[in-house]
Amino acid sequence: MATLLLFGPARTAAGTRREAIDAGTVGELVAAACGRFGPEFAGVVEASALWVNGEPADGSTVVGPGDEVAVVPPVSGGADAAPGLRSVQ
């Protein structure tokens, strides 16, 4: 079984930070997780990057026992500093 690691909104939607899932590919693992955690989780995954053992991955990436599959949601932010902060030059 591969271990699914969840961060930020993915973790919130799933209600857990990690889950062991039996799957042969990242696509199968994500499909199983979406079935388990529901449509809110699926929506987060759709906008997220997937990594296997610290490397970018896609649905066809093969996974097995001991592999870690991370769902990394996009980070929000922008170029403008928050009010009251000045840029350091």
PDB file of N, CA and C in Angstrom:
ATOM      1  N   MET A   1       0.834  -1.184   0.000  1.00  0.00           N
ATOM      2  CA  MET A   1       0.000   0.000   0.000  1.00  0.00           C
ATOM      3  C   MET A   1       0.875   1.242   0.000  1.00  0.00           C
ATOM      4  N   ALA A   2       0.464   2.217  -0.773  1.00  0.00           N
ATOM      5  CA  ALA A   2       1.131   3.519  -0.774  1.00  0.00           C
ATOM      6  C   ALA A   2       0.486   4.385   0.307  1.00  0.00           C
ATOM      7  N   THR A   3       1.225   5.373   0.763  1.00  0.00           N
ATOM      8  CA  THR A   3       0.700   6.294   1.768  1.00  0.00           C
ATOM      9  C   THR A   3       0.372   7.620   1.107  1.00  0.00           C
ATOM     10  N   LEU A   4      -0.858   8.053   1.247  1.00  0.00           N
ATOM     11  CA  LEU A   4      -1.313   9.340   0.740  1.00  0.00           C
ATOM     12  C   LEU A   4      -1.068  10.393   1.813  1.00  0.00           C
ATOM     13  N   LEU A   5      -0.313  11.436   1.471  1.00  0.00           N
ATOM     14  CA  LEU A   5      -0.026  12.532   2.401  1.00  0.00           C
ATOM     15  C   LEU A   5      -0.828  13.751   1.965  1.00  0.00           C
ATOM     16  N   LEU A   6      -1.526  14.374   2.902  1.00  0.00           N
ATOM     17  CA  LEU A   6      -2.424  15.479   2.576  1.00  0.00           C
ATOM     18  C   LEU A   6      -2.027  16.736   3.329  1.00  0.00           C
ATOM     19  N   PHE A   7      -2.107  17.874   2.628  1.00  0.00           N
ATOM     20  CA  PHE A   7      -1.717  19.158   3.188  1.00  0.00           C
ATOM     21  C   PHE A   7      -2.814  20.188   2.937  1.00  0.00           C
ATOM     22  N   GLY A   8      -2.894  21.191   3.815  1.00  0.00           N
ATOM     23  CA  GLY A   8      -3.804  22.328   3.640  1.00  0.00           C
ATOM     24  C   GLY A   8      -5.236  21.907   3.405  1.00  0.00           C
ATOM     25  N   PRO A   9      -5.852  22.454   2.347  1.00  0.00           N
ATOM     26  CA  PRO A   9      -7.265  22.162   2.082  1.00  0.00           C
ATOM     27  C   PRO A   9      -7.554  20.680   1.816  1.00  0.00           C
ATOM     28  N   ALA A  10      -6.589  19.965   1.262  1.00  0.00           N
ATOM     29  CA  ALA A  10      -6.794  18.523   1.029  1.00  0.00           C
ATOM     30  C   ALA A  10      -6.921  17.796   2.371  1.00  0.00           C
ATOM     31  N   ARG A  11      -6.091  18.180   3.312  1.00  0.00           N
ATOM     32  CA  ARG A  11      -6.139  17.589   4.652  1.00  0.00           C
ATOM     33  C   ARG A  11      -7.469  17.916   5.331  1.00  0.00           C
ATOM     34  N   THR A  12      -7.909  19.156   5.213  1.00  0.00           N
ATOM     35  CA  THR A  12      -9.170  19.578   5.813  1.00  0.00           C
ATOM     36  C   THR A  12     -10.348  18.818   5.198  1.00  0.00           C
ATOM     37  N   ALA A  13     -10.373  18.715   3.870  1.00  0.00           N
ATOM     38  CA  ALA A  13     -11.483  18.046   3.182  1.00  0.00           C
ATOM     39  C   ALA A  13     -11.545  16.560   3.516  1.00  0.00           C
ATOM     40  N   ALA A  14     -10.377  15.932   3.688  1.00  0.00           N
ATOM     41  CA  ALA A  14     -10.340  14.500   3.983  1.00  0.00           C
ATOM     42  C   ALA A  14     -10.527  14.202   5.463  1.00  0.00           C
ATOM     43  N   GLY A  15     -10.184  15.162   6.309  1.00  0.00           N
ATOM     44  CA  GLY A  15     -10.278  14.939   7.748  1.00  0.00           C
ATOM     45  C   GLY A  15      -9.130  14.105   8.298  1.00  0.00           C
ATOM     46  N   THR A  16      -8.060  13.998   7.542  1.00  0.00           N
ATOM     47  CA  THR A  16      -6.882  13.242   7.980  1.00  0.00           C
ATOM     48  C   THR A  16      -5.658  13.776   7.253  1.00  0.00           C
ATOM     49  N   ARG A  17      -4.481  13.489   7.793  1.00  0.00           N
ATOM     50  CA  ARG A  17      -3.263  13.962   7.128  1.00  0.00           C
ATOM     51  C   ARG A  17      -2.567  12.867   6.356  1.00  0.00           C
ATOM     52  N   ARG A  18      -2.918  11.618   6.619  1.00  0.00           N
ATOM     53  CA  ARG A  18      -2.331  10.510   5.867  1.00  0.00           C
ATOM     54  C   ARG A  18      -3.282   9.332   5.846  1.00  0.00           C
ATOM     55  N   GLU A  19      -3.182   8.543   4.770  1.00  0.00           N
ATOM     56  CA  GLU A  19      -4.066   7.394   4.612  1.00  0.00           C
ATOM     57  C   GLU A  19      -3.339   6.360   3.749  1.00  0.00           C
ATOM     58  N   ALA A  20      -3.340   5.114   4.166  1.00  0.00           N
ATOM     59  CA  ALA A  20      -2.774   4.030   3.370  1.00  0.00           C
ATOM     60  C   ALA A  20      -3.833   3.555   2.385  1.00  0.00           C
ATOM     61  N   ILE A  21      -3.449   3.492   1.097  1.00  0.00           N
ATOM     62  CA  ILE A  21      -4.394   3.090   0.058  1.00  0.00           C
ATOM     63  C   ILE A  21      -3.702   2.100  -0.870  1.00  0.00           C
ATOM     64  N   ASP A  22      -4.381   1.011  -1.166  1.00  0.00           N
ATOM     65  CA  ASP A  22      -3.858  -0.006  -2.071  1.00  0.00           C
ATOM     66  C   ASP A  22      -4.172   0.406  -3.508  1.00  0.00           C
ATOM     67  N   ALA A  23      -3.129   0.683  -4.289  1.00  0.00           N
ATOM     68  CA  ALA A  23      -3.314   1.099  -5.675  1.00  0.00           C
ATOM     69  C   ALA A  23      -2.029   0.819  -6.451  1.00  0.00           C
ATOM     70  N   GLY A  24      -2.154   0.686  -7.768  1.00  0.00           N
ATOM     71  CA  GLY A  24      -0.996   0.424  -8.606  1.00  0.00           C
ATOM     72  C   GLY A  24      -0.430   1.662  -9.268  1.00  0.00           C
ATOM     73  N   THR A  25      -1.267   2.700  -9.392  1.00  0.00           N
ATOM     74  CA  THR A  25      -0.825   3.959  -9.995  1.00  0.00           C
ATOM     75  C   THR A  25      -1.355   5.128  -9.169  1.00  0.00           C
ATOM     76  N   VAL A  26      -0.783   6.300  -9.416  1.00  0.00           N
ATOM     77  CA  VAL A  26      -1.269   7.510  -8.748  1.00  0.00           C
ATOM     78  C   VAL A  26      -2.734   7.745  -9.105  1.00  0.00           C
ATOM     79  N   GLY A  27      -3.107   7.530 -10.361  1.00  0.00           N
ATOM     80  CA  GLY A  27      -4.494   7.720 -10.782  1.00  0.00           C
ATOM     81  C   GLY A  27      -5.461   6.836 -10.020  1.00  0.00           C
ATOM     82  N   GLU A  28      -5.090   5.567  -9.827  1.00  0.00           N
ATOM     83  CA  GLU A  28      -5.935   4.647  -9.065  1.00  0.00           C
ATOM     84  C   GLU A  28      -6.023   5.075  -7.604  1.00  0.00           C
ATOM     85  N   LEU A  29      -4.904   5.516  -7.062  1.00  0.00           N
ATOM     86  CA  LEU A  29      -4.872   5.963  -5.672  1.00  0.00           C
ATOM     87  C   LEU A  29      -5.760   7.189  -5.477  1.00  0.00           C
ATOM     88  N   VAL A  30      -5.644   8.151  -6.378  1.00  0.00           N
ATOM     89  CA  VAL A  30      -6.456   9.371  -6.278  1.00  0.00           C
ATOM     90  C   VAL A  30      -7.937   9.043  -6.437  1.00  0.00           C
ATOM     91  N   ALA A  31      -8.276   8.159  -7.372  1.00  0.00           N
ATOM     92  CA  ALA A  31      -9.678   7.776  -7.558  1.00  0.00           C
ATOM     93  C   ALA A  31     -10.232   7.120  -6.295  1.00  0.00           C
ATOM     94  N   ALA A  32      -9.439   6.242  -5.677  1.00  0.00           N
ATOM     95  CA  ALA A  32      -9.883   5.595  -4.441  1.00  0.00           C
ATOM     96  C   ALA A  32     -10.053   6.619  -3.324  1.00  0.00           C
ATOM     97  N   ALA A  33      -9.112   7.564  -3.228  1.00  0.00           N
ATOM     98  CA  ALA A  33      -9.203   8.598  -2.192  1.00  0.00           C
ATOM     99  C   ALA A  33     -10.417   9.491  -2.418  1.00  0.00           C
ATOM    100  N   CYS A  34     -10.684   9.850  -3.664  1.00  0.00           N
ATOM    101  CA  CYS A  34     -11.851  10.694  -3.957  1.00  0.00           C
ATOM    102  C   CYS A  34     -13.142   9.967  -3.603  1.00  0.00           C
ATOM    103  N   GLY A  35     -13.197   8.671  -3.864  1.00  0.00           N
ATOM    104  CA  GLY A  35     -14.361   7.879  -3.483  1.00  0.00           C
ATOM    105  C   GLY A  35     -14.534   7.798  -1.976  1.00  0.00           C
ATOM    106  N   ARG A  36     -13.429   7.745  -1.280  1.00  0.00           N
ATOM    107  CA  ARG A  36     -13.447   7.630   0.175  1.00  0.00           C
ATOM    108  C   ARG A  36     -13.784   8.959   0.844  1.00  0.00           C
ATOM    109  N   PHE A  37     -13.215  10.066   0.329  1.00  0.00           N
ATOM    110  CA  PHE A  37     -13.327  11.357   1.014  1.00  0.00           C
ATOM    111  C   PHE A  37     -14.371  12.302   0.417  1.00  0.00           C
ATOM    112  N   GLY A  38     -14.909  12.011  -0.760  1.00  0.00           N
ATOM    113  CA  GLY A  38     -16.018  12.772  -1.293  1.00  0.00           C
ATOM    114  C   GLY A  38     -15.675  13.903  -2.250  1.00  0.00           C
ATOM    115  N   PRO A  39     -16.730  14.594  -2.713  1.00  0.00           N
ATOM    116  CA  PRO A  39     -16.583  15.595  -3.770  1.00  0.00           C
ATOM    117  C   PRO A  39     -15.772  16.835  -3.375  1.00  0.00           C
ATOM    118  N   GLU A  40     -15.830  17.248  -2.125  1.00  0.00           N
ATOM    119  CA  GLU A  40     -15.028  18.410  -1.723  1.00  0.00           C
ATOM    120  C   GLU A  40     -13.543  18.083  -1.858  1.00  0.00           C
ATOM    121  N   PHE A  41     -13.164  16.903  -1.418  1.00  0.00           N
ATOM    122  CA  PHE A  41     -11.781  16.454  -1.552  1.00  0.00           C
ATOM    123  C   PHE A  41     -11.399  16.354  -3.026  1.00  0.00           C
ATOM    124  N   ALA A  42     -12.275  15.795  -3.845  1.00  0.00           N
ATOM    125  CA  ALA A  42     -11.997  15.657  -5.281  1.00  0.00           C
ATOM    126  C   ALA A  42     -11.748  17.014  -5.930  1.00  0.00           C
ATOM    127  N   GLY A  43     -12.508  18.017  -5.530  1.00  0.00           N
ATOM    128  CA  GLY A  43     -12.309  19.367  -6.056  1.00  0.00           C
ATOM    129  C   GLY A  43     -10.954  19.944  -5.700  1.00  0.00           C
ATOM    130  N   VAL A  44     -10.497  19.668  -4.487  1.00  0.00           N
ATOM    131  CA  VAL A  44      -9.179  20.144  -4.062  1.00  0.00           C
ATOM    132  C   VAL A  44      -8.084  19.432  -4.857  1.00  0.00           C
ATOM    133  N   VAL A  45      -8.232  18.127  -5.012  1.00  0.00           N
ATOM    134  CA  VAL A  45      -7.218  17.346  -5.739  1.00  0.00           C
ATOM    135  C   VAL A  45      -7.097  17.821  -7.177  1.00  0.00           C
ATOM    136  N   GLU A  46      -8.217  18.172  -7.773  1.00  0.00           N
ATOM    137  CA  GLU A  46      -8.229  18.638  -9.165  1.00  0.00           C
ATOM    138  C   GLU A  46      -7.311  19.839  -9.374  1.00  0.00           C
ATOM    139  N   ALA A  47      -7.191  20.693  -8.382  1.00  0.00           N
ATOM    140  CA  ALA A  47      -6.381  21.906  -8.488  1.00  0.00           C
ATOM    141  C   ALA A  47      -5.000  21.739  -7.853  1.00  0.00           C
ATOM    142  N   SER A  48      -4.640  20.522  -7.462  1.00  0.00           N
ATOM    143  CA  SER A  48      -3.406  20.291  -6.719  1.00  0.00           C
ATOM    144  C   SER A  48      -2.338  19.614  -7.566  1.00  0.00           C
ATOM    145  N   ALA A  49      -1.107  19.723  -7.105  1.00  0.00           N
ATOM    146  CA  ALA A  49       0.003  18.989  -7.701  1.00  0.00           C
ATOM    147  C   ALA A  49       0.131  17.652  -6.977  1.00  0.00           C
ATOM    148  N   LEU A  50       0.594  16.651  -7.694  1.00  0.00           N
ATOM    149  CA  LEU A  50       0.804  15.324  -7.112  1.00  0.00           C
ATOM    150  C   LEU A  50       2.286  14.990  -7.176  1.00  0.00           C
ATOM    151  N   TRP A  51       2.803  14.497  -6.077  1.00  0.00           N
ATOM    152  CA  TRP A  51       4.216  14.141  -5.981  1.00  0.00           C
ATOM    153  C   TRP A  51       4.333  12.729  -5.424  1.00  0.00           C
ATOM    154  N   VAL A  52       5.280  11.967  -5.931  1.00  0.00           N
ATOM    155  CA  VAL A  52       5.568  10.640  -5.399  1.00  0.00           C
ATOM    156  C   VAL A  52       7.016  10.632  -4.925  1.00  0.00           C
ATOM    157  N   ASN A  53       7.185  10.369  -3.649  1.00  0.00           N
ATOM    158  CA  ASN A  53       8.520  10.303  -3.057  1.00  0.00           C
ATOM    159  C   ASN A  53       9.351  11.548  -3.378  1.00  0.00           C
ATOM    160  N   GLY A  54       8.704  12.720  -3.345  1.00  0.00           N
ATOM    161  CA  GLY A  54       9.404  13.983  -3.549  1.00  0.00           C
ATOM    162  C   GLY A  54       9.626  14.377  -4.991  1.00  0.00           C
ATOM    163  N   GLU A  55       9.035  13.643  -5.935  1.00  0.00           N
ATOM    164  CA  GLU A  55       9.178  13.958  -7.360  1.00  0.00           C
ATOM    165  C   GLU A  55       7.801  14.201  -7.972  1.00  0.00           C
ATOM    166  N   PRO A  56       7.698  15.156  -8.914  1.00  0.00           N
ATOM    167  CA  PRO A  56       6.419  15.389  -9.582  1.00  0.00           C
ATOM    168  C   PRO A  56       5.900  14.100 -10.236  1.00  0.00           C
ATOM    169  N   ALA A  57       4.587  13.926 -10.209  1.00  0.00           N
ATOM    170  CA  ALA A  57       3.992  12.702 -10.745  1.00  0.00           C
ATOM    171  C   ALA A  57       2.700  13.028 -11.481  1.00  0.00           C
ATOM    172  N   ASP A  58       2.217  12.052 -12.241  1.00  0.00           N
ATOM    173  CA  ASP A  58       0.902  12.174 -12.872  1.00  0.00           C
ATOM    174  C   ASP A  58       0.145  10.872 -12.629  1.00  0.00           C
ATOM    175  N   GLY A  59      -1.035  10.774 -13.201  1.00  0.00           N
ATOM    176  CA  GLY A  59      -1.897   9.625 -12.948  1.00  0.00           C
ATOM    177  C   GLY A  59      -1.314   8.287 -13.356  1.00  0.00           C
ATOM    178  N   SER A  60      -0.371   8.291 -14.309  1.00  0.00           N
ATOM    179  CA  SER A  60       0.191   7.027 -14.780  1.00  0.00           C
ATOM    180  C   SER A  60       1.408   6.573 -13.978  1.00  0.00           C
ATOM    181  N   THR A  61       1.863   7.393 -13.041  1.00  0.00           N
ATOM    182  CA  THR A  61       3.025   7.033 -12.233  1.00  0.00           C
ATOM    183  C   THR A  61       2.706   5.811 -11.376  1.00  0.00           C
ATOM    184  N   VAL A  62       3.557   4.805 -11.461  1.00  0.00           N
ATOM    185  CA  VAL A  62       3.366   3.562 -10.715  1.00  0.00           C
ATOM    186  C   VAL A  62       3.739   3.782  -9.247  1.00  0.00           C
ATOM    187  N   VAL A  63       2.918   3.231  -8.353  1.00  0.00           N
ATOM    188  CA  VAL A  63       3.189   3.303  -6.913  1.00  0.00           C
ATOM    189  C   VAL A  63       3.071   1.906  -6.316  1.00  0.00           C
ATOM    190  N   GLY A  64       3.746   1.733  -5.206  1.00  0.00           N
ATOM    191  CA  GLY A  64       3.697   0.452  -4.521  1.00  0.00           C
ATOM    192  C   GLY A  64       3.929   0.638  -3.041  1.00  0.00           C
ATOM    193  N   PRO A  65       4.128  -0.460  -2.338  1.00  0.00           N
ATOM    194  CA  PRO A  65       4.354  -0.395  -0.896  1.00  0.00           C
ATOM    195  C   PRO A  65       5.549   0.500  -0.570  1.00  0.00           C
ATOM    196  N   GLY A  66       5.373   1.338   0.424  1.00  0.00           N
ATOM    197  CA  GLY A  66       6.460   2.224   0.844  1.00  0.00           C
ATOM    198  C   GLY A  66       6.505   3.551   0.124  1.00  0.00           C
ATOM    199  N   ASP A  67       5.755   3.702  -0.981  1.00  0.00           N
ATOM    200  CA  ASP A  67       5.740   4.985  -1.692  1.00  0.00           C
ATOM    201  C   ASP A  67       4.847   5.982  -0.963  1.00  0.00           C
ATOM    202  N   GLU A  68       5.239   7.249  -1.021  1.00  0.00           N
ATOM    203  CA  GLU A  68       4.441   8.329  -0.450  1.00  0.00           C
ATOM    204  C   GLU A  68       3.948   9.229  -1.576  1.00  0.00           C
ATOM    205  N   VAL A  69       2.638   9.391  -1.652  1.00  0.00           N
ATOM    206  CA  VAL A  69       2.003  10.227  -2.664  1.00  0.00           C
ATOM    207  C   VAL A  69       1.455  11.456  -1.950  1.00  0.00           C
ATOM    208  N   ALA A  70       1.997  12.625  -2.302  1.00  0.00           N
ATOM    209  CA  ALA A  70       1.581  13.872  -1.654  1.00  0.00           C
ATOM    210  C   ALA A  70       0.635  14.650  -2.557  1.00  0.00           C
ATOM    211  N   VAL A  71      -0.449  15.130  -1.977  1.00  0.00           N
ATOM    212  CA  VAL A  71      -1.365  16.048  -2.651  1.00  0.00           C
ATOM    213  C   VAL A  71      -1.007  17.440  -2.136  1.00  0.00           C
ATOM    214  N   VAL A  72      -0.476  18.271  -3.037  1.00  0.00           N
ATOM    215  CA  VAL A  72       0.011  19.595  -2.651  1.00  0.00           C
ATOM    216  C   VAL A  72      -0.872  20.659  -3.305  1.00  0.00           C
ATOM    217  N   PRO A  73      -1.819  21.222  -2.544  1.00  0.00           N
ATOM    218  CA  PRO A  73      -2.691  22.260  -3.085  1.00  0.00           C
ATOM    219  C   PRO A  73      -1.893  23.507  -3.439  1.00  0.00           C
ATOM    220  N   PRO A  74      -2.417  24.316  -4.370  1.00  0.00           N
ATOM    221  CA  PRO A  74      -1.723  25.555  -4.712  1.00  0.00           C
ATOM    222  C   PRO A  74      -1.622  26.475  -3.493  1.00  0.00           C
ATOM    223  N   VAL A  75      -0.544  27.206  -3.437  1.00  0.00           N
ATOM    224  CA  VAL A  75      -0.326  28.156  -2.342  1.00  0.00           C
ATOM    225  C   VAL A  75      -0.887  29.497  -2.770  1.00  0.00           C
ATOM    226  N   SER A  76      -1.675  30.111  -1.909  1.00  0.00           N
ATOM    227  CA  SER A  76      -2.215  31.420  -2.249  1.00  0.00           C
ATOM    228  C   SER A  76      -1.201  32.491  -1.909  1.00  0.00           C
ATOM    229  N   GLY A  77      -1.347  33.602  -2.516  1.00  0.00           N
ATOM    230  CA  GLY A  77      -0.427  34.709  -2.256  1.00  0.00           C
ATOM    231  C   GLY A  77      -0.451  35.664  -3.432  1.00  0.00           C
ATOM    232  N   GLY A  78       0.386  36.619  -3.370  1.00  0.00           N
ATOM    233  CA  GLY A  78       0.431  37.581  -4.453  1.00  0.00           C
ATOM    234  C   GLY A  78       1.678  38.420  -4.355  1.00  0.00           C
ATOM    235  N   ALA A  79       1.815  39.339  -5.289  1.00  0.00           N
ATOM    236  CA  ALA A  79       3.007  40.167  -5.365  1.00  0.00           C
ATOM    237  C   ALA A  79       2.942  41.357  -4.424  1.00  0.00           C
ATOM    238  N   ASP A  80       1.755  41.759  -4.022  1.00  0.00           N
ATOM    239  CA  ASP A  80       1.610  42.944  -3.179  1.00  0.00           C
ATOM    240  C   ASP A  80       1.829  42.587  -1.718  1.00  0.00           C
ATOM    241  N   ALA A  81       2.562  43.441  -1.023  1.00  0.00           N
ATOM    242  CA  ALA A  81       2.779  43.238   0.407  1.00  0.00           C
ATOM    243  C   ALA A  81       1.497  43.540   1.169  1.00  0.00           C
ATOM    244  N   ALA A  82       1.324  42.887   2.289  1.00  0.00           N
ATOM    245  CA  ALA A  82       0.165  43.137   3.133  1.00  0.00           C
ATOM    246  C   ALA A  82       0.223  44.556   3.667  1.00  0.00           C
ATOM    247  N   PRO A  83      -0.926  45.179   3.963  1.00  0.00           N
ATOM    248  CA  PRO A  83      -0.931  46.516   4.516  1.00  0.00           C
ATOM    249  C   PRO A  83      -0.044  46.602   5.768  1.00  0.00           C
ATOM    250  N   GLY A  84       0.734  47.634   5.855  1.00  0.00           N
ATOM    251  CA  GLY A  84       1.597  47.828   7.007  1.00  0.00           C
ATOM    252  C   GLY A  84       2.972  47.207   6.852  1.00  0.00           C
ATOM    253  N   LEU A  85       3.162  46.438   5.792  1.00  0.00           N
ATOM    254  CA  LEU A  85       4.479  45.840   5.546  1.00  0.00           C
ATOM    255  C   LEU A  85       5.148  46.591   4.410  1.00  0.00           C
ATOM    256  N   ARG A  86       6.443  46.747   4.527  1.00  0.00           N
ATOM    257  CA  ARG A  86       7.167  47.381   3.432  1.00  0.00           C
ATOM    258  C   ARG A  86       8.146  46.375   2.888  1.00  0.00           C
ATOM    259  N   SER A  87       8.466  46.492   1.618  1.00  0.00           N
ATOM    260  CA  SER A  87       9.400  45.542   1.034  1.00  0.00           C
ATOM    261  C   SER A  87      10.815  45.838   1.451  1.00  0.00           C
ATOM    262  N   VAL A  88      11.583  44.788   1.596  1.00  0.00           N
ATOM    263  CA  VAL A  88      12.992  44.914   1.976  1.00  0.00           C
ATOM    264  C   VAL A  88      13.803  44.920   0.697  1.00  0.00           C
ATOM    265  N   GLN A  89      14.689  45.905   0.573  1.00  0.00           N
ATOM    266  CA  GLN A  89      15.511  45.987  -0.648  1.00  0.00           C
ATOM    267  C   GLN A  89      16.948  45.797  -0.352  1.00  0.00           C
TER     268      GLN A  89
END
